[in-house]
Amino acid sequence: MSLLEDLYYGKICPSERSHSSDPKYALYSKQISELIQILKEKLPPDDFTMVEEAMDLNDMLISVSSVSAYTLGFRMGAAMIVEVLGHKGELIHTEEGYLGKIKLDRRES
Protein backbone atom coordinates (compact mmCIF):
# COMPACT_ATOMS: atom_id res chain seq x y z
CA MET A 1 0.00 0.00 0.00
CA SER A 2 1.27 3.49 -0.80
CA LEU A 3 1.93 6.24 1.70
CA LEU A 4 -1.02 8.21 0.32
CA GLU A 5 -3.33 5.20 0.70
CA ASP A 6 -2.14 4.69 4.27
CA LEU A 7 -2.86 8.36 4.96
CA TYR A 8 -6.33 8.07 3.40
CA TYR A 9 -7.23 4.98 5.44
CA GLY A 10 -6.00 6.57 8.67
CA LYS A 11 -3.08 4.21 9.11
CA ILE A 12 -0.64 7.09 9.57
CA CYS A 13 -0.76 8.92 12.87
CA PRO A 14 2.54 10.71 13.60
CA SER A 15 1.43 11.83 17.06
CA GLU A 16 1.22 8.19 18.16
CA ARG A 17 4.78 7.58 17.02
CA SER A 18 6.35 10.69 18.48
CA HIS A 19 8.03 9.08 21.48
CA SER A 20 11.71 9.64 21.26
CA SER A 21 14.26 6.87 21.39
CA ASP A 22 16.72 9.39 22.84
CA PRO A 23 17.88 8.18 26.28
CA LYS A 24 17.28 11.69 27.62
CA TYR A 25 13.57 11.27 26.92
CA ALA A 26 13.32 8.26 29.22
CA LEU A 27 15.48 9.97 31.85
CA TYR A 28 13.40 13.15 31.91
CA SER A 29 10.17 11.18 31.93
CA LYS A 30 11.36 9.19 34.93
CA GLN A 31 12.44 12.36 36.75
CA ILE A 32 9.06 13.98 36.13
CA SER A 33 7.25 10.90 37.45
CA GLU A 34 9.40 10.88 40.57
CA LEU A 35 8.80 14.57 41.25
CA ILE A 36 5.07 14.17 40.72
CA GLN A 37 5.02 11.33 43.24
CA ILE A 38 6.90 13.48 45.78
CA LEU A 39 4.45 16.35 45.26
CA LYS A 40 1.51 13.97 45.65
CA GLU A 41 2.85 12.78 48.98
CA LYS A 42 3.72 16.28 50.30
CA LEU A 43 0.84 18.43 49.09
CA PRO A 44 -2.72 18.50 50.36
CA PRO A 45 -5.11 16.84 47.88
CA ASP A 46 -6.60 20.17 46.69
CA ASP A 47 -3.16 21.60 45.99
CA PHE A 48 -2.05 18.49 44.16
CA THR A 49 -5.22 18.67 42.05
CA MET A 50 -4.13 22.15 40.94
CA VAL A 51 -0.70 20.78 40.02
CA GLU A 52 -2.38 18.06 37.93
CA GLU A 53 -4.55 20.67 36.22
CA ALA A 54 -1.46 22.76 35.44
CA MET A 55 0.26 19.67 34.01
CA ASP A 56 -2.81 18.90 31.86
CA LEU A 57 -2.81 22.47 30.52
CA ASN A 58 0.92 22.17 29.82
CA ASP A 59 0.27 18.93 27.91
CA MET A 60 -2.37 20.72 25.82
CA LEU A 61 0.06 23.56 25.15
CA ILE A 62 2.74 21.10 24.06
CA SER A 63 0.21 19.36 21.81
CA VAL A 64 -0.75 22.64 20.10
CA SER A 65 2.93 23.52 19.67
CA SER A 66 3.69 20.07 18.28
CA VAL A 67 0.90 20.32 15.71
CA SER A 68 2.17 23.73 14.66
CA ALA A 69 5.77 22.49 14.34
CA TYR A 70 4.65 19.37 12.46
CA THR A 71 2.53 21.27 9.93
CA LEU A 72 5.23 23.91 9.45
CA GLY A 73 7.84 21.20 8.87
CA PHE A 74 5.57 19.42 6.41
CA ARG A 75 4.88 22.63 4.50
CA MET A 76 8.58 23.49 4.42
CA GLY A 77 9.42 20.02 3.12
CA ALA A 78 6.75 20.28 0.43
CA ALA A 79 7.99 23.77 -0.53
CA MET A 80 11.53 22.39 -0.87
CA ILE A 81 10.28 19.62 -3.16
CA VAL A 82 8.41 22.17 -5.30
CA GLU A 83 11.54 24.33 -5.51
CA VAL A 84 13.73 21.37 -6.44
CA LEU A 85 11.29 20.14 -9.08
CA GLY A 86 11.00 23.67 -10.44
CA HIS A 87 14.73 23.63 -11.16
CA LYS A 88 15.11 20.02 -12.21
CA GLY A 89 16.37 21.06 -15.65
CA GLU A 90 19.43 22.53 -13.98
CA LEU A 91 20.37 19.17 -12.53
CA ILE A 92 20.87 17.27 -15.78
CA HIS A 93 24.23 15.52 -15.80
CA THR A 94 25.28 16.54 -19.31
CA GLU A 95 27.63 19.15 -20.66
CA GLU A 96 24.56 21.27 -21.52
CA GLY A 97 23.09 20.97 -18.04
CA TYR A 98 23.88 22.85 -14.86
CA LEU A 99 26.50 20.43 -13.61
CA GLY A 100 28.16 20.47 -17.00
CA LYS A 101 28.34 24.27 -16.88
CA ILE A 102 30.11 24.09 -13.54
CA LYS A 103 32.70 21.71 -14.99
CA LEU A 104 33.21 23.97 -18.03
CA ASP A 105 33.53 27.09 -15.87
CA ARG A 106 36.23 25.43 -13.75
CA ARG A 107 38.25 24.50 -16.84
CA GLU A 108 38.20 28.10 -18.06
CA SER A 109 39.64 29.59 -14.85
PDB file of N, CA and C in Angstrom:
ATOM      1  N   MET A   1       0.849  -1.173   0.000  1.00  0.00           N
ATOM      2  CA  MET A   1       0.000   0.000   0.000  1.00  0.00           C
ATOM      3  C   MET A   1       0.894   1.235   0.000  1.00  0.00           C
ATOM      4  N   SER A   2       0.469   2.276  -0.695  1.00  0.00           N
ATOM      5  CA  SER A   2       1.271   3.490  -0.795  1.00  0.00           C
ATOM      6  C   SER A   2       1.099   4.360   0.447  1.00  0.00           C
ATOM      7  N   LEU A   3       1.991   5.295   0.585  1.00  0.00           N
ATOM      8  CA  LEU A   3       1.930   6.240   1.696  1.00  0.00           C
ATOM      9  C   LEU A   3       0.633   7.040   1.647  1.00  0.00           C
ATOM     10  N   LEU A   4       0.232   7.457   0.460  1.00  0.00           N
ATOM     11  CA  LEU A   4      -1.017   8.207   0.320  1.00  0.00           C
ATOM     12  C   LEU A   4      -2.234   7.360   0.693  1.00  0.00           C
ATOM     13  N   GLU A   5      -2.215   6.090   0.319  1.00  0.00           N
ATOM     14  CA  GLU A   5      -3.329   5.199   0.700  1.00  0.00           C
ATOM     15  C   GLU A   5      -3.355   5.001   2.212  1.00  0.00           C
ATOM     16  N   ASP A   6      -2.198   4.819   2.805  1.00  0.00           N
ATOM     17  CA  ASP A   6      -2.141   4.689   4.270  1.00  0.00           C
ATOM     18  C   ASP A   6      -2.686   5.934   4.949  1.00  0.00           C
ATOM     19  N   LEU A   7      -2.343   7.099   4.412  1.00  0.00           N
ATOM     20  CA  LEU A   7      -2.860   8.355   4.961  1.00  0.00           C
ATOM     21  C   LEU A   7      -4.380   8.409   4.819  1.00  0.00           C
ATOM     22  N   TYR A   8      -4.887   8.052   3.653  1.00  0.00           N
ATOM     23  CA  TYR A   8      -6.330   8.069   3.402  1.00  0.00           C
ATOM     24  C   TYR A   8      -7.079   7.149   4.371  1.00  0.00           C
ATOM     25  N   TYR A   9      -6.557   5.966   4.581  1.00  0.00           N
ATOM     26  CA  TYR A   9      -7.227   4.984   5.438  1.00  0.00           C
ATOM     27  C   TYR A   9      -6.931   5.190   6.928  1.00  0.00           C
ATOM     28  N   GLY A  10      -6.236   6.258   7.260  1.00  0.00           N
ATOM     29  CA  GLY A  10      -5.997   6.573   8.669  1.00  0.00           C
ATOM     30  C   GLY A  10      -4.955   5.697   9.335  1.00  0.00           C
ATOM     31  N   LYS A  11      -4.099   5.091   8.542  1.00  0.00           N
ATOM     32  CA  LYS A  11      -3.075   4.213   9.110  1.00  0.00           C
ATOM     33  C   LYS A  11      -1.829   4.987   9.534  1.00  0.00           C
ATOM     34  N   ILE A  12      -1.784   6.258   9.205  1.00  0.00           N
ATOM     35  CA  ILE A  12      -0.640   7.092   9.573  1.00  0.00           C
ATOM     36  C   ILE A  12      -1.088   8.063  10.648  1.00  0.00           C
ATOM     37  N   CYS A  13      -0.445   8.006  11.774  1.00  0.00           N
ATOM     38  CA  CYS A  13      -0.756   8.918  12.872  1.00  0.00           C
ATOM     39  C   CYS A  13       0.557   9.293  13.559  1.00  0.00           C
ATOM     40  N   PRO A  14       1.227  10.343  13.064  1.00  0.00           N
ATOM     41  CA  PRO A  14       2.540  10.707  13.603  1.00  0.00           C
ATOM     42  C   PRO A  14       2.541  10.976  15.098  1.00  0.00           C
ATOM     43  N   SER A  15       1.444  11.512  15.630  1.00  0.00           N
ATOM     44  CA  SER A  15       1.432  11.832  17.061  1.00  0.00           C
ATOM     45  C   SER A  15       1.516  10.577  17.924  1.00  0.00           C
ATOM     46  N   GLU A  16       1.113   9.439  17.392  1.00  0.00           N
ATOM     47  CA  GLU A  16       1.217   8.194  18.156  1.00  0.00           C
ATOM     48  C   GLU A  16       2.623   7.608  18.105  1.00  0.00           C
ATOM     49  N   ARG A  17       3.428   8.098  17.182  1.00  0.00           N
ATOM     50  CA  ARG A  17       4.783   7.578  17.020  1.00  0.00           C
ATOM     51  C   ARG A  17       5.842   8.584  17.459  1.00  0.00           C
ATOM     52  N   SER A  18       5.437   9.598  18.196  1.00  0.00           N
ATOM     53  CA  SER A  18       6.345  10.690  18.485  1.00  0.00           C
ATOM     54  C   SER A  18       7.237  10.466  19.703  1.00  0.00           C
ATOM     55  N   HIS A  19       7.180   9.326  20.334  1.00  0.00           N
ATOM     56  CA  HIS A  19       8.031   9.075  21.483  1.00  0.00           C
ATOM     57  C   HIS A  19       9.472   8.898  21.019  1.00  0.00           C
ATOM     58  N   SER A  20      10.315   9.635  21.656  1.00  0.00           N
ATOM     59  CA  SER A  20      11.714   9.645  21.255  1.00  0.00           C
ATOM     60  C   SER A  20      12.445   8.406  21.749  1.00  0.00           C
ATOM     61  N   SER A  21      13.407   7.971  20.956  1.00  0.00           N
ATOM     62  CA  SER A  21      14.263   6.872  21.392  1.00  0.00           C
ATOM     63  C   SER A  21      15.524   7.420  22.061  1.00  0.00           C
ATOM     64  N   ASP A  22      15.603   8.742  22.163  1.00  0.00           N
ATOM     65  CA  ASP A  22      16.725   9.394  22.837  1.00  0.00           C
ATOM     66  C   ASP A  22      16.707   9.006  24.317  1.00  0.00           C
ATOM     67  N   PRO A  23      17.828   8.562  24.861  1.00  0.00           N
ATOM     68  CA  PRO A  23      17.878   8.177  26.281  1.00  0.00           C
ATOM     69  C   PRO A  23      17.473   9.311  27.219  1.00  0.00           C
ATOM     70  N   LYS A  24      17.676  10.544  26.791  1.00  0.00           N
ATOM     71  CA  LYS A  24      17.283  11.689  27.620  1.00  0.00           C
ATOM     72  C   LYS A  24      15.768  11.714  27.825  1.00  0.00           C
ATOM     73  N   TYR A  25      15.028  11.284  26.810  1.00  0.00           N
ATOM     74  CA  TYR A  25      13.569  11.270  26.917  1.00  0.00           C
ATOM     75  C   TYR A  25      13.129  10.390  28.081  1.00  0.00           C
ATOM     76  N   ALA A  26      13.664   9.194  28.139  1.00  0.00           N
ATOM     77  CA  ALA A  26      13.316   8.265  29.222  1.00  0.00           C
ATOM     78  C   ALA A  26      13.773   8.811  30.571  1.00  0.00           C
ATOM     79  N   LEU A  27      14.947   9.414  30.602  1.00  0.00           N
ATOM     80  CA  LEU A  27      15.477   9.972  31.847  1.00  0.00           C
ATOM     81  C   LEU A  27      14.585  11.091  32.364  1.00  0.00           C
ATOM     82  N   TYR A  28      14.245  12.031  31.493  1.00  0.00           N
ATOM     83  CA  TYR A  28      13.397  13.149  31.910  1.00  0.00           C
ATOM     84  C   TYR A  28      12.009  12.680  32.314  1.00  0.00           C
ATOM     85  N   SER A  29      11.490  11.722  31.589  1.00  0.00           N
ATOM     86  CA  SER A  29      10.174  11.179  31.925  1.00  0.00           C
ATOM     87  C   SER A  29      10.181  10.551  33.319  1.00  0.00           C
ATOM     88  N   LYS A  30      11.228   9.815  33.615  1.00  0.00           N
ATOM     89  CA  LYS A  30      11.365   9.189  34.931  1.00  0.00           C
ATOM     90  C   LYS A  30      11.481  10.252  36.023  1.00  0.00           C
ATOM     91  N   GLN A  31      12.272  11.294  35.761  1.00  0.00           N
ATOM     92  CA  GLN A  31      12.440  12.355  36.751  1.00  0.00           C
ATOM     93  C   GLN A  31      11.128  13.088  37.016  1.00  0.00           C
ATOM     94  N   ILE A  32      10.362  13.334  35.969  1.00  0.00           N
ATOM     95  CA  ILE A  32       9.056  13.979  36.134  1.00  0.00           C
ATOM     96  C   ILE A  32       8.142  13.109  36.988  1.00  0.00           C
ATOM     97  N   SER A  33       8.099  11.818  36.682  1.00  0.00           N
ATOM     98  CA  SER A  33       7.248  10.905  37.452  1.00  0.00           C
ATOM     99  C   SER A  33       7.641  10.883  38.924  1.00  0.00           C
ATOM    100  N   GLU A  34       8.932  10.888  39.182  1.00  0.00           N
ATOM    101  CA  GLU A  34       9.402  10.881  40.574  1.00  0.00           C
ATOM    102  C   GLU A  34       9.020  12.165  41.297  1.00  0.00           C
ATOM    103  N   LEU A  35       9.178  13.302  40.630  1.00  0.00           N
ATOM    104  CA  LEU A  35       8.800  14.573  41.248  1.00  0.00           C
ATOM    105  C   LEU A  35       7.298  14.663  41.480  1.00  0.00           C
ATOM    106  N   ILE A  36       6.524  14.167  40.553  1.00  0.00           N
ATOM    107  CA  ILE A  36       5.066  14.174  40.720  1.00  0.00           C
ATOM    108  C   ILE A  36       4.678  13.330  41.929  1.00  0.00           C
ATOM    109  N   GLN A  37       5.310  12.190  42.084  1.00  0.00           N
ATOM    110  CA  GLN A  37       5.016  11.332  43.236  1.00  0.00           C
ATOM    111  C   GLN A  37       5.367  12.038  44.546  1.00  0.00           C
ATOM    112  N   ILE A  38       6.503  12.736  44.584  1.00  0.00           N
ATOM    113  CA  ILE A  38       6.901  13.481  45.780  1.00  0.00           C
ATOM    114  C   ILE A  38       5.878  14.567  46.089  1.00  0.00           C
ATOM    115  N   LEU A  39       5.456  15.303  45.064  1.00  0.00           N
ATOM    116  CA  LEU A  39       4.448  16.348  45.264  1.00  0.00           C
ATOM    117  C   LEU A  39       3.132  15.755  45.761  1.00  0.00           C
ATOM    118  N   LYS A  40       2.767  14.619  45.233  1.00  0.00           N
ATOM    119  CA  LYS A  40       1.514  13.970  45.650  1.00  0.00           C
ATOM    120  C   LYS A  40       1.556  13.609  47.130  1.00  0.00           C
ATOM    121  N   GLU A  41       2.705  13.165  47.578  1.00  0.00           N
ATOM    122  CA  GLU A  41       2.852  12.784  48.984  1.00  0.00           C
ATOM    123  C   GLU A  41       2.925  13.997  49.912  1.00  0.00           C
ATOM    124  N   LYS A  42       3.494  15.119  49.440  1.00  0.00           N
ATOM    125  CA  LYS A  42       3.722  16.278  50.297  1.00  0.00           C
ATOM    126  C   LYS A  42       2.575  17.285  50.299  1.00  0.00           C
ATOM    127  N   LEU A  43       1.866  17.393  49.205  1.00  0.00           N
ATOM    128  CA  LEU A  43       0.836  18.426  49.091  1.00  0.00           C
ATOM    129  C   LEU A  43      -0.529  17.930  49.561  1.00  0.00           C
ATOM    130  N   PRO A  44      -1.321  18.855  50.070  1.00  0.00           N
ATOM    131  CA  PRO A  44      -2.716  18.504  50.362  1.00  0.00           C
ATOM    132  C   PRO A  44      -3.423  18.144  49.048  1.00  0.00           C
ATOM    133  N   PRO A  45      -4.427  17.297  49.105  1.00  0.00           N
ATOM    134  CA  PRO A  45      -5.105  16.840  47.877  1.00  0.00           C
ATOM    135  C   PRO A  45      -5.566  17.975  46.961  1.00  0.00           C
ATOM    136  N   ASP A  46      -6.127  19.058  47.536  1.00  0.00           N
ATOM    137  CA  ASP A  46      -6.601  20.166  46.695  1.00  0.00           C
ATOM    138  C   ASP A  46      -5.454  20.843  45.953  1.00  0.00           C
ATOM    139  N   ASP A  47      -4.324  20.990  46.627  1.00  0.00           N
ATOM    140  CA  ASP A  47      -3.159  21.603  45.986  1.00  0.00           C
ATOM    141  C   ASP A  47      -2.597  20.698  44.896  1.00  0.00           C
ATOM    142  N   PHE A  48      -2.562  19.403  45.168  1.00  0.00           N
ATOM    143  CA  PHE A  48      -2.048  18.486  44.161  1.00  0.00           C
ATOM    144  C   PHE A  48      -2.969  18.452  42.941  1.00  0.00           C
ATOM    145  N   THR A  49      -4.267  18.606  43.165  1.00  0.00           N
ATOM    146  CA  THR A  49      -5.218  18.668  42.052  1.00  0.00           C
ATOM    147  C   THR A  49      -4.892  19.852  41.138  1.00  0.00           C
ATOM    148  N   MET A  50      -4.510  20.990  41.745  1.00  0.00           N
ATOM    149  CA  MET A  50      -4.128  22.152  40.937  1.00  0.00           C
ATOM    150  C   MET A  50      -2.851  21.867  40.138  1.00  0.00           C
ATOM    151  N   VAL A  51      -1.920  21.148  40.741  1.00  0.00           N
ATOM    152  CA  VAL A  51      -0.703  20.776  40.023  1.00  0.00           C
ATOM    153  C   VAL A  51      -1.067  19.893  38.825  1.00  0.00           C
ATOM    154  N   GLU A  52      -1.958  18.935  39.033  1.00  0.00           N
ATOM    155  CA  GLU A  52      -2.381  18.061  37.934  1.00  0.00           C
ATOM    156  C   GLU A  52      -3.065  18.855  36.819  1.00  0.00           C
ATOM    157  N   GLU A  53      -3.892  19.832  37.213  1.00  0.00           N
ATOM    158  CA  GLU A  53      -4.554  20.668  36.217  1.00  0.00           C
ATOM    159  C   GLU A  53      -3.531  21.486  35.425  1.00  0.00           C
ATOM    160  N   ALA A  54      -2.521  22.008  36.123  1.00  0.00           N
ATOM    161  CA  ALA A  54      -1.461  22.756  35.441  1.00  0.00           C
ATOM    162  C   ALA A  54      -0.697  21.842  34.475  1.00  0.00           C
ATOM    163  N   MET A  55      -0.439  20.614  34.881  1.00  0.00           N
ATOM    164  CA  MET A  55       0.260  19.665  34.007  1.00  0.00           C
ATOM    165  C   MET A  55      -0.605  19.330  32.794  1.00  0.00           C
ATOM    166  N   ASP A  56      -1.913  19.176  32.993  1.00  0.00           N
ATOM    167  CA  ASP A  56      -2.813  18.904  31.862  1.00  0.00           C
ATOM    168  C   ASP A  56      -2.817  20.068  30.873  1.00  0.00           C
ATOM    169  N   LEU A  57      -2.851  21.302  31.401  1.00  0.00           N
ATOM    170  CA  LEU A  57      -2.805  22.466  30.525  1.00  0.00           C
ATOM    171  C   LEU A  57      -1.473  22.533  29.783  1.00  0.00           C
ATOM    172  N   ASN A  58      -0.389  22.193  30.467  1.00  0.00           N
ATOM    173  CA  ASN A  58       0.915  22.171  29.821  1.00  0.00           C
ATOM    174  C   ASN A  58       0.953  21.120  28.709  1.00  0.00           C
ATOM    175  N   ASP A  59       0.348  19.964  28.951  1.00  0.00           N
ATOM    176  CA  ASP A  59       0.267  18.927  27.907  1.00  0.00           C
ATOM    177  C   ASP A  59      -0.502  19.431  26.688  1.00  0.00           C
ATOM    178  N   MET A  60      -1.595  20.171  26.938  1.00  0.00           N
ATOM    179  CA  MET A  60      -2.371  20.722  25.821  1.00  0.00           C
ATOM    180  C   MET A  60      -1.553  21.751  25.055  1.00  0.00           C
ATOM    181  N   LEU A  61      -0.796  22.567  25.790  1.00  0.00           N
ATOM    182  CA  LEU A  61       0.062  23.560  25.148  1.00  0.00           C
ATOM    183  C   LEU A  61       1.129  22.888  24.288  1.00  0.00           C
ATOM    184  N   ILE A  62       1.732  21.852  24.814  1.00  0.00           N
ATOM    185  CA  ILE A  62       2.739  21.098  24.061  1.00  0.00           C
ATOM    186  C   ILE A  62       2.115  20.475  22.817  1.00  0.00           C
ATOM    187  N   SER A  63       0.906  19.970  22.947  1.00  0.00           N
ATOM    188  CA  SER A  63       0.213  19.365  21.808  1.00  0.00           C
ATOM    189  C   SER A  63      -0.034  20.392  20.707  1.00  0.00           C
ATOM    190  N   VAL A  64      -0.506  21.575  21.084  1.00  0.00           N
ATOM    191  CA  VAL A  64      -0.749  22.636  20.105  1.00  0.00           C
ATOM    192  C   VAL A  64       0.562  23.041  19.438  1.00  0.00           C
ATOM    193  N   SER A  65       1.616  23.165  20.225  1.00  0.00           N
ATOM    194  CA  SER A  65       2.928  23.524  19.671  1.00  0.00           C
ATOM    195  C   SER A  65       3.440  22.435  18.736  1.00  0.00           C
ATOM    196  N   SER A  66       3.233  21.186  19.111  1.00  0.00           N
ATOM    197  CA  SER A  66       3.690  20.071  18.276  1.00  0.00           C
ATOM    198  C   SER A  66       2.971  20.048  16.939  1.00  0.00           C
ATOM    199  N   VAL A  67       1.670  20.288  16.957  1.00  0.00           N
ATOM    200  CA  VAL A  67       0.900  20.325  15.713  1.00  0.00           C
ATOM    201  C   VAL A  67       1.427  21.442  14.822  1.00  0.00           C
ATOM    202  N   SER A  68       1.667  22.592  15.425  1.00  0.00           N
ATOM    203  CA  SER A  68       2.173  23.727  14.663  1.00  0.00           C
ATOM    204  C   SER A  68       3.537  23.414  14.058  1.00  0.00           C
ATOM    205  N   ALA A  69       4.438  22.835  14.838  1.00  0.00           N
ATOM    206  CA  ALA A  69       5.775  22.489  14.339  1.00  0.00           C
ATOM    207  C   ALA A  69       5.690  21.421  13.250  1.00  0.00           C
ATOM    208  N   TYR A  70       4.806  20.449  13.437  1.00  0.00           N
ATOM    209  CA  TYR A  70       4.646  19.373  12.458  1.00  0.00           C
ATOM    210  C   TYR A  70       4.149  19.922  11.122  1.00  0.00           C
ATOM    211  N   THR A  71       3.092  20.745  11.173  1.00  0.00           N
ATOM    212  CA  THR A  71       2.530  21.272   9.929  1.00  0.00           C
ATOM    213  C   THR A  71       3.516  22.220   9.249  1.00  0.00           C
ATOM    214  N   LEU A  72       4.229  23.030  10.032  1.00  0.00           N
ATOM    215  CA  LEU A  72       5.229  23.913   9.447  1.00  0.00           C
ATOM    216  C   LEU A  72       6.333  23.095   8.776  1.00  0.00           C
ATOM    217  N   GLY A  73       6.802  22.056   9.445  1.00  0.00           N
ATOM    218  CA  GLY A  73       7.835  21.196   8.866  1.00  0.00           C
ATOM    219  C   GLY A  73       7.361  20.517   7.597  1.00  0.00           C
ATOM    220  N   PHE A  74       6.132  20.062   7.604  1.00  0.00           N
ATOM    221  CA  PHE A  74       5.569  19.415   6.406  1.00  0.00           C
ATOM    222  C   PHE A  74       5.486  20.402   5.255  1.00  0.00           C
ATOM    223  N   ARG A  75       4.995  21.613   5.548  1.00  0.00           N
ATOM    224  CA  ARG A  75       4.882  22.632   4.504  1.00  0.00           C
ATOM    225  C   ARG A  75       6.256  23.021   3.964  1.00  0.00           C
ATOM    226  N   MET A  76       7.229  23.150   4.855  1.00  0.00           N
ATOM    227  CA  MET A  76       8.578  23.495   4.418  1.00  0.00           C
ATOM    228  C   MET A  76       9.156  22.389   3.540  1.00  0.00           C
ATOM    229  N   GLY A  77       8.940  21.143   3.930  1.00  0.00           N
ATOM    230  CA  GLY A  77       9.419  20.020   3.123  1.00  0.00           C
ATOM    231  C   GLY A  77       8.772  20.008   1.749  1.00  0.00           C
ATOM    232  N   ALA A  78       7.462  20.246   1.709  1.00  0.00           N
ATOM    233  CA  ALA A  78       6.751  20.281   0.428  1.00  0.00           C
ATOM    234  C   ALA A  78       7.242  21.453  -0.420  1.00  0.00           C
ATOM    235  N   ALA A  79       7.490  22.606   0.207  1.00  0.00           N
ATOM    236  CA  ALA A  79       7.990  23.767  -0.531  1.00  0.00           C
ATOM    237  C   ALA A  79       9.375  23.480  -1.107  1.00  0.00           C
ATOM    238  N   MET A  80      10.200  22.752  -0.361  1.00  0.00           N
ATOM    239  CA  MET A  80      11.527  22.387  -0.868  1.00  0.00           C
ATOM    240  C   MET A  80      11.407  21.477  -2.082  1.00  0.00           C
ATOM    241  N   ILE A  81      10.480  20.535  -2.026  1.00  0.00           N
ATOM    242  CA  ILE A  81      10.280  19.624  -3.162  1.00  0.00           C
ATOM    243  C   ILE A  81       9.822  20.413  -4.386  1.00  0.00           C
ATOM    244  N   VAL A  82       8.884  21.346  -4.188  1.00  0.00           N
ATOM    245  CA  VAL A  82       8.407  22.172  -5.297  1.00  0.00           C
ATOM    246  C   VAL A  82       9.561  22.971  -5.883  1.00  0.00           C
ATOM    247  N   GLU A  83      10.400  23.554  -5.019  1.00  0.00           N
ATOM    248  CA  GLU A  83      11.540  24.327  -5.505  1.00  0.00           C
ATOM    249  C   GLU A  83      12.514  23.448  -6.286  1.00  0.00           C
ATOM    250  N   VAL A  84      12.810  22.283  -5.757  1.00  0.00           N
ATOM    251  CA  VAL A  84      13.731  21.373  -6.436  1.00  0.00           C
ATOM    252  C   VAL A  84      13.168  20.948  -7.781  1.00  0.00           C
ATOM    253  N   LEU A  85      11.897  20.570  -7.814  1.00  0.00           N
ATOM    254  CA  LEU A  85      11.292  20.141  -9.077  1.00  0.00           C
ATOM    255  C   LEU A  85      11.190  21.293 -10.070  1.00  0.00           C
ATOM    256  N   GLY A  86      11.058  22.507  -9.571  1.00  0.00           N
ATOM    257  CA  GLY A  86      11.004  23.673 -10.443  1.00  0.00           C
ATOM    258  C   GLY A  86      12.327  23.947 -11.132  1.00  0.00           C
ATOM    259  N   HIS A  87      13.398  23.413 -10.590  1.00  0.00           N
ATOM    260  CA  HIS A  87      14.730  23.633 -11.158  1.00  0.00           C
ATOM    261  C   HIS A  87      15.365  22.326 -11.621  1.00  0.00           C
ATOM    262  N   LYS A  88      14.552  21.327 -11.875  1.00  0.00           N
ATOM    263  CA  LYS A  88      15.115  20.017 -12.213  1.00  0.00           C
ATOM    264  C   LYS A  88      15.910  20.039 -13.513  1.00  0.00           C
ATOM    265  N   GLY A  89      15.609  20.950 -14.419  1.00  0.00           N
ATOM    266  CA  GLY A  89      16.366  21.057 -15.653  1.00  0.00           C
ATOM    267  C   GLY A  89      17.814  21.445 -15.413  1.00  0.00           C
ATOM    268  N   GLU A  90      18.067  22.113 -14.298  1.00  0.00           N
ATOM    269  CA  GLU A  90      19.428  22.534 -13.979  1.00  0.00           C
ATOM    270  C   GLU A  90      20.275  21.375 -13.458  1.00  0.00           C
ATOM    271  N   LEU A  91      19.653  20.271 -13.157  1.00  0.00           N
ATOM    272  CA  LEU A  91      20.366  19.166 -12.530  1.00  0.00           C
ATOM    273  C   LEU A  91      20.717  18.047 -13.504  1.00  0.00           C
ATOM    274  N   ILE A  92      20.553  18.291 -14.782  1.00  0.00           N
ATOM    275  CA  ILE A  92      20.866  17.270 -15.785  1.00  0.00           C
ATOM    276  C   ILE A  92      22.375  17.069 -15.822  1.00  0.00           C
ATOM    277  N   HIS A  93      22.812  15.848 -15.844  1.00  0.00           N
ATOM    278  CA  HIS A  93      24.233  15.520 -15.801  1.00  0.00           C
ATOM    279  C   HIS A  93      24.854  15.451 -17.195  1.00  0.00           C
ATOM    280  N   THR A  94      24.661  16.486 -17.976  1.00  0.00           N
ATOM    281  CA  THR A  94      25.275  16.535 -19.307  1.00  0.00           C
ATOM    282  C   THR A  94      26.086  17.821 -19.408  1.00  0.00           C
ATOM    283  N   GLU A  95      26.842  17.939 -20.472  1.00  0.00           N
ATOM    284  CA  GLU A  95      27.633  19.154 -20.661  1.00  0.00           C
ATOM    285  C   GLU A  95      26.728  20.375 -20.840  1.00  0.00           C
ATOM    286  N   GLU A  96      25.486  20.160 -21.321  1.00  0.00           N
ATOM    287  CA  GLU A  96      24.562  21.271 -21.515  1.00  0.00           C
ATOM    288  C   GLU A  96      23.860  21.646 -20.213  1.00  0.00           C
ATOM    289  N   GLY A  97      23.812  20.727 -19.280  1.00  0.00           N
ATOM    290  CA  GLY A  97      23.086  20.969 -18.038  1.00  0.00           C
ATOM    291  C   GLY A  97      23.884  21.770 -17.043  1.00  0.00           C
ATOM    292  N   TYR A  98      23.296  22.020 -15.918  1.00  0.00           N
ATOM    293  CA  TYR A  98      23.881  22.853 -14.864  1.00  0.00           C
ATOM    294  C   TYR A  98      25.216  22.298 -14.386  1.00  0.00           C
ATOM    295  N   LEU A  99      25.259  21.011 -14.100  1.00  0.00           N
ATOM    296  CA  LEU A  99      26.501  20.431 -13.606  1.00  0.00           C
ATOM    297  C   LEU A  99      27.588  20.486 -14.668  1.00  0.00           C
ATOM    298  N   GLY A 100      27.198  20.343 -15.912  1.00  0.00           N
ATOM    299  CA  GLY A 100      28.161  20.470 -16.999  1.00  0.00           C
ATOM    300  C   GLY A 100      28.723  21.879 -17.084  1.00  0.00           C
ATOM    301  N   LYS A 101      27.882  22.887 -16.844  1.00  0.00           N
ATOM    302  CA  LYS A 101      28.338  24.270 -16.875  1.00  0.00           C
ATOM    303  C   LYS A 101      29.360  24.530 -15.767  1.00  0.00           C
ATOM    304  N   ILE A 102      29.164  23.928 -14.641  1.00  0.00           N
ATOM    305  CA  ILE A 102      30.115  24.089 -13.540  1.00  0.00           C
ATOM    306  C   ILE A 102      31.459  23.518 -13.947  1.00  0.00           C
ATOM    307  N   LYS A 103      31.444  22.336 -14.553  1.00  0.00           N
ATOM    308  CA  LYS A 103      32.697  21.710 -14.990  1.00  0.00           C
ATOM    309  C   LYS A 103      33.389  22.568 -16.036  1.00  0.00           C
ATOM    310  N   LEU A 104      32.613  23.126 -16.999  1.00  0.00           N
ATOM    311  CA  LEU A 104      33.211  23.975 -18.033  1.00  0.00           C
ATOM    312  C   LEU A 104      33.780  25.258 -17.431  1.00  0.00           C
ATOM    313  N   ASP A 105      33.057  25.864 -16.504  1.00  0.00           N
ATOM    314  CA  ASP A 105      33.534  27.087 -15.866  1.00  0.00           C
ATOM    315  C   ASP A 105      34.845  26.852 -15.133  1.00  0.00           C
ATOM    316  N   ARG A 106      35.000  25.726 -14.495  1.00  0.00           N
ATOM    317  CA  ARG A 106      36.227  25.426 -13.750  1.00  0.00           C
ATOM    318  C   ARG A 106      37.412  25.251 -14.709  1.00  0.00           C
ATOM    319  N   ARG A 107      37.162  24.691 -15.877  1.00  0.00           N
ATOM    320  CA  ARG A 107      38.246  24.497 -16.843  1.00  0.00           C
ATOM    321  C   ARG A 107      38.738  25.835 -17.398  1.00  0.00           C
ATOM    322  N   GLU A 108      37.834  26.815 -17.475  1.00  0.00           N
ATOM    323  CA  GLU A 108      38.202  28.104 -18.057  1.00  0.00           C
ATOM    324  C   GLU A 108      39.007  28.953 -17.094  1.00  0.00           C
ATOM    325  N   SER A 109      38.919  28.719 -15.795  1.00  0.00           N
ATOM    326  CA  SER A 109      39.645  29.585 -14.853  1.00  0.00           C
ATOM    327  C   SER A 109      41.028  29.136 -14.568  1.00  0.00           C
TER     328      SER A 109
END
